[in-house]
Amino acid sequence: MPTILLVDDHDDIRDMMKRRLQMHGYNVVTAVNGLEAVLATAQAAPSLILMDINMPELDGIEATMQIRAADPEQRIPVIALTAYALPGDQERATAAGCDGFHPKPVDFDILFAQIHELIGDTSVPSESTNP
């Protein structure tokens, strides 16, 4: 089961997203800011990181750059998440090393498609799928 590191400073968003990801068969590790994200990446070795951009302590852009600098050979996919998408945010995220960009509120169909594109299909089959 792939592990996703979910980084968000809002408890309610983090909890809701964690439940949705777990329902799709992912193991989820969480962090509440960029500093925790850098440490959790080293400890958990996630398959993918969902990184909020606007956070206290260390924002998602800087955290992504530190994760990339710490281990340039290990290319963990990072999807940037932001509620306040401003002109230039996607370019800044890409320049920092993010592999995807997703504005909030999260559209889970699109987010799961992005995850699938970056790490493959590991989701739980839906109830409508016949065996």
C-alpha atoms as a PDB file:
ATOM      1  CA  MET A   1       0.000   0.000   0.000  1.00  0.00           C
ATOM      2  CA  PRO A   2       1.580   3.324  -1.056  1.00  0.00           C
ATOM      3  CA  THR A   3       2.164   5.971   1.602  1.00  0.00           C
ATOM      4  CA  ILE A   4       1.111   9.562   0.979  1.00  0.00           C
ATOM      5  CA  LEU A   5       2.489  12.387   3.087  1.00  0.00           C
ATOM      6  CA  LEU A   6      -0.314  14.927   3.536  1.00  0.00           C
ATOM      7  CA  VAL A   7       0.926  18.358   4.627  1.00  0.00           C
ATOM      8  CA  ASP A   8      -1.637  20.966   5.675  1.00  0.00           C
ATOM      9  CA  ASP A   9      -1.798  23.374   8.604  1.00  0.00           C
ATOM     10  CA  HIS A  10      -5.620  23.212   8.891  1.00  0.00           C
ATOM     11  CA  ASP A  11      -6.775  20.310  11.073  1.00  0.00           C
ATOM     12  CA  ASP A  12     -10.200  19.972   9.433  1.00  0.00           C
ATOM     13  CA  ILE A  13      -8.819  19.882   5.881  1.00  0.00           C
ATOM     14  CA  ARG A  14      -6.057  17.473   6.877  1.00  0.00           C
ATOM     15  CA  ASP A  15      -8.490  15.118   8.644  1.00  0.00           C
ATOM     16  CA  MET A  16     -11.027  15.131   5.787  1.00  0.00           C
ATOM     17  CA  MET A  17      -8.370  14.536   3.144  1.00  0.00           C
ATOM     18  CA  LYS A  18      -6.737  11.798   5.206  1.00  0.00           C
ATOM     19  CA  ARG A  19     -10.041   9.916   5.402  1.00  0.00           C
ATOM     20  CA  ARG A  20     -10.650  10.250   1.647  1.00  0.00           C
ATOM     21  CA  LEU A  21      -7.156   9.029   0.807  1.00  0.00           C
ATOM     22  CA  GLN A  22      -7.445   6.083   3.204  1.00  0.00           C
ATOM     23  CA  MET A  23     -10.791   5.119   1.642  1.00  0.00           C
ATOM     24  CA  HIS A  24      -8.905   4.841  -1.663  1.00  0.00           C
ATOM     25  CA  GLY A  25      -6.368   2.449  -0.194  1.00  0.00           C
ATOM     26  CA  TYR A  26      -3.518   4.763   0.699  1.00  0.00           C
ATOM     27  CA  ASN A  27      -1.536   4.759   3.922  1.00  0.00           C
ATOM     28  CA  VAL A  28      -1.424   8.406   5.066  1.00  0.00           C
ATOM     29  CA  VAL A  29       1.198  10.176   7.153  1.00  0.00           C
ATOM     30  CA  THR A  30       0.461  13.786   8.092  1.00  0.00           C
ATOM     31  CA  ALA A  31       2.444  16.923   8.856  1.00  0.00           C
ATOM     32  CA  VAL A  32       1.134  20.313   9.977  1.00  0.00           C
ATOM     33  CA  ASN A  33       3.839  22.512   8.434  1.00  0.00           C
ATOM     34  CA  GLY A  34       6.823  22.494   6.132  1.00  0.00           C
ATOM     35  CA  LEU A  35       9.324  21.712   8.873  1.00  0.00           C
ATOM     36  CA  GLU A  36       7.397  18.590   9.846  1.00  0.00           C
ATOM     37  CA  ALA A  37       7.090  17.689   6.155  1.00  0.00           C
ATOM     38  CA  VAL A  38      10.854  17.693   5.655  1.00  0.00           C
ATOM     39  CA  LEU A  39      11.329  15.439   8.712  1.00  0.00           C
ATOM     40  CA  ALA A  40       8.405  13.152   7.826  1.00  0.00           C
ATOM     41  CA  THR A  41       9.738  12.689   4.293  1.00  0.00           C
ATOM     42  CA  ALA A  42      13.042  11.428   5.664  1.00  0.00           C
ATOM     43  CA  GLN A  43      11.316   9.126   8.167  1.00  0.00           C
ATOM     44  CA  ALA A  44       8.339   7.777   6.205  1.00  0.00           C
ATOM     45  CA  ALA A  45       9.782   7.670   2.658  1.00  0.00           C
ATOM     46  CA  PRO A  46       6.354   8.368   1.123  1.00  0.00           C
ATOM     47  CA  SER A  47       5.374   7.409  -2.407  1.00  0.00           C
ATOM     48  CA  LEU A  48       3.906  10.892  -2.949  1.00  0.00           C
ATOM     49  CA  ILE A  49       3.566  14.194  -1.067  1.00  0.00           C
ATOM     50  CA  LEU A  50       0.486  16.442  -1.060  1.00  0.00           C
ATOM     51  CA  MET A  51       1.990  19.779  -0.033  1.00  0.00           C
ATOM     52  CA  ASP A  52      -0.049  22.786   1.060  1.00  0.00           C
ATOM     53  CA  ILE A  53       1.697  25.929  -0.167  1.00  0.00           C
ATOM     54  CA  ASN A  54       0.557  28.530   2.370  1.00  0.00           C
ATOM     55  CA  MET A  55       1.696  27.430   5.843  1.00  0.00           C
ATOM     56  CA  PRO A  56       3.381  29.001   8.854  1.00  0.00           C
ATOM     57  CA  GLU A  57       6.911  28.033   9.949  1.00  0.00           C
ATOM     58  CA  LEU A  58       8.037  26.900   6.505  1.00  0.00           C
ATOM     59  CA  ASP A  59       5.809  27.205   3.441  1.00  0.00           C
ATOM     60  CA  GLY A  60       5.277  24.396   0.961  1.00  0.00           C
ATOM     61  CA  ILE A  61       7.544  25.924  -1.687  1.00  0.00           C
ATOM     62  CA  GLU A  62      10.527  26.114   0.670  1.00  0.00           C
ATOM     63  CA  ALA A  63       9.767  22.688   2.173  1.00  0.00           C
ATOM     64  CA  THR A  64       9.695  21.144  -1.316  1.00  0.00           C
ATOM     65  CA  MET A  65      13.029  22.766  -2.162  1.00  0.00           C
ATOM     66  CA  GLN A  66      14.553  21.408   1.068  1.00  0.00           C
ATOM     67  CA  ILE A  67      13.185  17.904   0.375  1.00  0.00           C
ATOM     68  CA  ARG A  68      14.643  18.020  -3.154  1.00  0.00           C
ATOM     69  CA  ALA A  69      18.005  19.336  -1.879  1.00  0.00           C
ATOM     70  CA  ALA A  70      18.257  16.744   0.909  1.00  0.00           C
ATOM     71  CA  ASP A  71      18.137  13.814  -1.498  1.00  0.00           C
ATOM     72  CA  PRO A  72      18.341  14.805  -5.173  1.00  0.00           C
ATOM     73  CA  GLU A  73      18.411  11.156  -6.279  1.00  0.00           C
ATOM     74  CA  GLN A  74      15.140  10.321  -4.539  1.00  0.00           C
ATOM     75  CA  ARG A  75      12.423  11.866  -6.690  1.00  0.00           C
ATOM     76  CA  ILE A  76       9.250  11.645  -4.596  1.00  0.00           C
ATOM     77  CA  PRO A  77       6.387  13.212  -6.578  1.00  0.00           C
ATOM     78  CA  VAL A  78       4.961  16.347  -4.954  1.00  0.00           C
ATOM     79  CA  ILE A  79       1.544  17.839  -5.722  1.00  0.00           C
ATOM     80  CA  ALA A  80       1.198  21.439  -4.535  1.00  0.00           C
ATOM     81  CA  LEU A  81      -2.140  22.338  -2.948  1.00  0.00           C
ATOM     82  CA  THR A  82      -3.296  25.913  -2.434  1.00  0.00           C
ATOM     83  CA  ALA A  83      -6.493  27.672  -1.452  1.00  0.00           C
ATOM     84  CA  TYR A  84      -5.192  31.045  -2.609  1.00  0.00           C
ATOM     85  CA  ALA A  85      -4.012  30.367  -6.131  1.00  0.00           C
ATOM     86  CA  LEU A  86      -2.367  33.580  -7.283  1.00  0.00           C
ATOM     87  CA  PRO A  87      -0.859  34.303 -10.677  1.00  0.00           C
ATOM     88  CA  GLY A  88       2.574  32.755 -10.643  1.00  0.00           C
ATOM     89  CA  ASP A  89       1.893  30.192  -7.886  1.00  0.00           C
ATOM     90  CA  GLN A  90       1.912  27.239 -10.259  1.00  0.00           C
ATOM     91  CA  GLU A  91       5.162  28.426 -11.841  1.00  0.00           C
ATOM     92  CA  ARG A  92       6.758  28.917  -8.384  1.00  0.00           C
ATOM     93  CA  ALA A  93       5.639  25.430  -7.335  1.00  0.00           C
ATOM     94  CA  THR A  94       7.038  23.883 -10.516  1.00  0.00           C
ATOM     95  CA  ALA A  95      10.315  25.776 -10.108  1.00  0.00           C
ATOM     96  CA  ALA A  96      10.579  24.464  -6.521  1.00  0.00           C
ATOM     97  CA  GLY A  97      10.277  20.890  -7.755  1.00  0.00           C
ATOM     98  CA  CYS A  98       6.555  20.146  -7.550  1.00  0.00           C
ATOM     99  CA  ASP A  99       5.274  17.641 -10.096  1.00  0.00           C
ATOM    100  CA  GLY A 100       1.630  18.733  -9.975  1.00  0.00           C
ATOM    101  CA  PHE A 101      -0.552  21.639  -8.862  1.00  0.00           C
ATOM    102  CA  HIS A 102      -4.075  21.489  -7.452  1.00  0.00           C
ATOM    103  CA  PRO A 103      -6.176  24.453  -6.288  1.00  0.00           C
ATOM    104  CA  LYS A 104      -8.447  24.103  -3.255  1.00  0.00           C
ATOM    105  CA  PRO A 105     -11.205  23.255  -2.715  1.00  0.00           C
ATOM    106  CA  VAL A 106      -9.947  19.835  -3.698  1.00  0.00           C
ATOM    107  CA  ASP A 107     -11.671  18.078  -6.594  1.00  0.00           C
ATOM    108  CA  PHE A 108     -10.989  14.494  -5.548  1.00  0.00           C
ATOM    109  CA  ASP A 109     -11.660  13.030  -9.002  1.00  0.00           C
ATOM    110  CA  ILE A 110      -8.953  15.246 -10.456  1.00  0.00           C
ATOM    111  CA  LEU A 111      -6.632  14.754  -7.470  1.00  0.00           C
ATOM    112  CA  PHE A 112      -6.880  10.958  -7.656  1.00  0.00           C
ATOM    113  CA  ALA A 113      -6.197  11.153 -11.404  1.00  0.00           C
ATOM    114  CA  GLN A 114      -3.068  13.215 -10.658  1.00  0.00           C
ATOM    115  CA  ILE A 115      -1.946  10.704  -8.025  1.00  0.00           C
ATOM    116  CA  HIS A 116      -2.588   7.835 -10.438  1.00  0.00           C
ATOM    117  CA  GLU A 117      -0.545   9.578 -13.123  1.00  0.00           C
ATOM    118  CA  LEU A 118       2.393  10.072 -10.755  1.00  0.00           C
ATOM    119  CA  ILE A 119       2.494   6.760  -8.845  1.00  0.00           C
ATOM    120  CA  GLY A 120       0.116   4.378 -10.612  1.00  0.00           C
ATOM    121  CA  ASP A 121      -3.304   2.943  -9.830  1.00  0.00           C
ATOM    122  CA  THR A 122      -3.531   1.709  -6.260  1.00  0.00           C
ATOM    123  CA  SER A 123      -7.052   2.830  -5.507  1.00  0.00           C
ATOM    124  CA  VAL A 124      -9.720   0.548  -4.131  1.00  0.00           C
ATOM    125  CA  PRO A 125     -12.158  -0.510  -6.882  1.00  0.00           C
ATOM    126  CA  SER A 126     -15.488   1.267  -6.669  1.00  0.00           C
ATOM    127  CA  GLU A 127     -18.619  -0.615  -5.728  1.00  0.00           C
ATOM    128  CA  SER A 128     -19.898  -0.385  -9.305  1.00  0.00           C
ATOM    129  CA  THR A 129     -16.934  -2.346 -10.655  1.00  0.00           C
ATOM    130  CA  ASN A 130     -17.754  -5.998 -11.297  1.00  0.00           C
ATOM    131  CA  PRO A 131     -15.106  -8.536 -10.316  1.00  0.00           C
END
